[in-house]
Protein backbone atom coordinates (compact mmCIF):
# COMPACT_ATOMS: atom_id res chain seq x y z
CA MET A 1 74.32 92.74 61.19
CA ASP A 2 71.28 93.98 63.14
CA LEU A 3 69.69 90.54 63.06
CA GLU A 4 72.84 88.98 64.50
CA GLU A 5 72.82 91.51 67.35
CA ILE A 6 69.16 90.74 68.11
CA ALA A 7 69.83 86.99 68.08
CA ASN A 8 72.81 87.38 70.42
CA SER A 9 70.73 89.55 72.77
CA ALA A 10 67.99 86.92 72.82
CA VAL A 11 70.50 84.19 73.67
CA LEU A 12 71.96 86.35 76.46
CA ALA A 13 68.50 87.10 77.87
CA ALA A 14 67.40 83.45 77.84
CA SER A 15 70.69 82.39 79.41
CA ALA A 16 70.35 85.04 82.13
CA ILE A 17 66.84 83.80 83.00
CA LEU A 18 67.99 80.20 83.33
CA ARG A 19 71.15 81.17 85.21
CA ALA A 20 69.05 83.11 87.73
CA VAL A 21 66.86 80.05 88.32
CA VAL A 22 69.85 77.71 88.63
CA SER A 23 72.03 79.89 90.85
CA ASP A 24 69.55 81.67 93.14
CA THR A 25 68.11 79.43 95.86
CA GLU A 26 65.68 82.16 96.88
CA ILE A 27 64.09 82.11 93.43
CA GLN A 28 63.96 78.30 93.59
CA GLY A 29 62.10 78.52 96.89
CA PHE A 30 59.42 80.75 95.37
CA LEU A 31 58.82 78.79 92.15
CA ASP A 32 55.89 76.90 93.69
CA GLY A 33 53.94 80.09 94.37
CA LEU A 34 54.87 82.38 91.50
CA PRO A 35 52.37 83.21 88.75
CA THR A 36 52.26 80.92 85.75
CA TYR A 37 53.99 83.38 83.45
CA PHE A 38 57.24 82.86 85.40
CA ASN A 39 57.07 79.13 84.70
CA THR A 40 56.21 79.83 81.07
CA MET A 41 59.17 82.20 80.83
CA ILE A 42 61.50 79.46 82.10
CA ALA A 43 60.04 76.97 79.61
CA PHE A 44 60.33 79.41 76.72
CA ALA A 45 63.95 80.29 77.58
CA ALA A 46 64.89 76.60 77.84
CA VAL A 47 63.22 75.61 74.56
CA PHE A 48 64.74 78.63 72.82
CA LEU A 49 68.25 77.69 73.94
CA ILE A 50 67.69 74.05 73.01
CA LYS A 51 66.68 75.10 69.49
CA VAL A 52 69.55 77.56 69.14
CA SER A 53 72.11 75.04 70.35
CA THR A 54 70.85 72.20 68.15
CA LYS A 55 69.23 73.64 65.02
CA TYR A 56 70.70 77.10 64.63
CA SER A 57 74.20 76.82 66.09
CA SER A 58 75.66 77.42 62.62
CA VAL A 59 73.71 80.67 62.24
CA VAL A 60 73.95 82.13 65.77
CA GLN A 61 77.36 82.24 67.42
CA VAL A 62 76.94 80.51 70.79
CA ASP A 63 79.14 78.61 73.21
CA LEU A 64 77.52 75.19 72.87
CA GLN A 65 79.27 73.70 75.90
CA LYS A 66 78.12 76.52 78.19
CA ILE A 67 74.53 76.27 76.97
CA LYS A 68 74.46 72.49 77.34
CA HIS A 69 75.91 72.76 80.85
CA LEU A 70 73.31 75.42 81.73
CA LEU A 71 70.46 73.26 80.39
CA ARG A 72 71.68 70.22 82.35
CA SER A 73 71.95 72.35 85.50
CA LEU A 74 68.45 73.72 84.90
CA LEU A 75 67.05 70.20 84.57
CA ASP A 76 68.72 69.11 87.82
CA THR A 77 67.44 72.23 89.59
CA LEU A 78 63.88 71.83 88.30
CA LYS A 79 63.81 68.14 89.24
CA ASN A 80 64.92 69.08 92.74
CA VAL A 81 62.38 71.92 93.04
CA THR A 82 59.45 69.93 91.63
CA SER A 83 60.10 66.83 93.75
CA ASN A 84 57.90 68.30 96.51
CA MET A 85 55.25 69.84 94.24
CA HIS A 86 51.81 68.49 93.45
CA PRO A 87 51.96 66.38 90.27
CA CYS A 88 49.42 68.68 88.59
CA HIS A 89 51.62 71.78 89.05
CA ILE A 90 52.54 73.20 85.66
CA LEU A 91 56.24 73.28 86.52
CA VAL A 92 56.19 69.49 86.95
CA SER A 93 54.94 69.17 83.35
CA ILE A 94 57.45 71.73 82.14
CA THR A 95 60.28 69.82 83.82
CA ALA A 96 59.19 66.56 82.17
CA GLY A 97 58.95 68.31 78.81
CA ILE A 98 62.42 69.86 79.13
CA GLU A 99 63.85 66.49 80.15
CA SER A 100 62.25 64.83 77.13
CA LEU A 101 63.63 67.48 74.76
CA LEU A 102 67.12 67.26 76.26
CA CYS A 103 67.06 63.47 75.88
CA ARG A 104 65.90 63.62 72.27
CA CYS A 105 68.56 66.20 71.39
CA GLY A 106 71.31 64.24 73.08
CA ILE A 107 72.12 67.00 75.56
CA VAL A 108 71.37 64.69 78.48
CA SER A 109 73.03 61.33 78.07
CA GLY A 110 71.81 58.03 79.42
CA THR A 111 68.25 56.88 79.69
CA CYS A 112 65.64 59.39 80.72
CA ALA A 113 62.68 58.50 82.91
CA VAL A 114 60.25 60.10 80.47
CA GLU A 115 61.55 57.99 77.57
CA GLU A 116 61.63 54.78 79.61
CA GLN A 117 58.00 55.04 80.69
CA GLY A 118 56.58 56.84 77.72
CA ILE A 119 54.68 60.07 78.26
CA GLY A 120 51.30 58.31 78.47
CA ALA A 121 52.51 56.00 81.22
CA VAL A 122 53.33 58.79 83.65
CA THR A 123 50.60 58.55 86.27
CA ALA A 124 50.81 60.17 89.66
CA ARG A 125 48.17 59.81 92.34
CA LYS A 126 47.35 62.10 95.21
CA ASN A 127 44.52 61.75 97.68
CA VAL A 128 42.54 64.95 97.76
CA GLY A 129 39.87 64.57 100.41
CA THR A 130 37.89 61.52 99.40
CA THR A 131 38.60 61.91 95.69
CA GLU A 132 41.58 60.25 94.05
CA LEU A 133 43.09 62.49 91.41
CA GLU A 134 44.94 60.95 88.48
CA HIS A 135 47.32 63.02 86.40
CA ASP A 136 48.05 61.84 82.90
CA PRO A 137 49.78 64.57 80.84
CA THR A 138 48.33 63.26 77.60
CA THR A 139 44.69 63.55 78.65
CA SER A 140 44.52 66.14 81.41
CA PHE A 141 44.74 69.89 81.65
CA SER A 142 45.87 71.74 78.56
CA MET A 143 47.11 75.30 78.38
CA GLU A 144 44.30 76.32 76.03
CA GLU A 145 41.87 75.87 78.93
CA TYR A 146 43.87 78.10 81.28
CA ASP A 147 42.83 81.71 81.72
CA PHE A 148 46.06 83.69 82.09
CA LEU A 149 44.14 86.92 82.65
CA PHE A 150 42.02 85.66 85.55
CA ASN A 151 42.64 87.41 88.83
CA PRO A 152 40.74 86.05 91.85
CA ASP A 153 40.66 89.55 93.37
CA MET A 154 38.85 91.06 90.38
CA ASP A 155 35.59 92.86 90.99
CA PHE A 156 32.90 91.29 88.81
CA SER A 157 30.07 93.59 89.84
CA LEU A 158 28.14 95.03 86.95
CA GLU A 159 27.24 98.57 87.82
CA PHE A 160 26.02 100.64 84.93
CA PRO A 161 26.05 104.43 85.01
CA ASP A 162 22.70 106.16 85.29
CA GLN A 163 21.55 108.92 82.96
CA ASP A 164 23.83 111.46 84.66
CA GLY A 165 26.88 109.26 84.12
CA LEU A 166 27.17 108.35 87.81
CA VAL A 167 27.42 104.82 89.08
């Protein structure tokens, strides 16, 4: 009984996160500048609801139609928000990943752009100064290289206390 309550709470929390992104245009306007953990939270909530609605719908009592509608709305919202973002922005990759999952699970019908091209064929180019930057999700930046704890305002000075304990 306790496990069922925890599962239902998790579904409600994930749904609330995605509903906030879908329904609040102010949040959508800030997605380009928010810290990475907000984007990761959106990705985690979406993947969690995809798994619950496809794999565990017999175990966890959920309204499949509402979740599928919410996931479709999220995909439309993220596509709209990321259309003006730099192709290397993490939310662009998250959007492509969510679209791919929704296509594979049959939640989004029709042909998906990610499936048509294949993930390796997605190449976006931006001129950055004199350097041309290519973005290929299969060979570029991976999350294991990202330092989530880095703060550009951190003080990196190494001051050691003297014998009296003063700096």
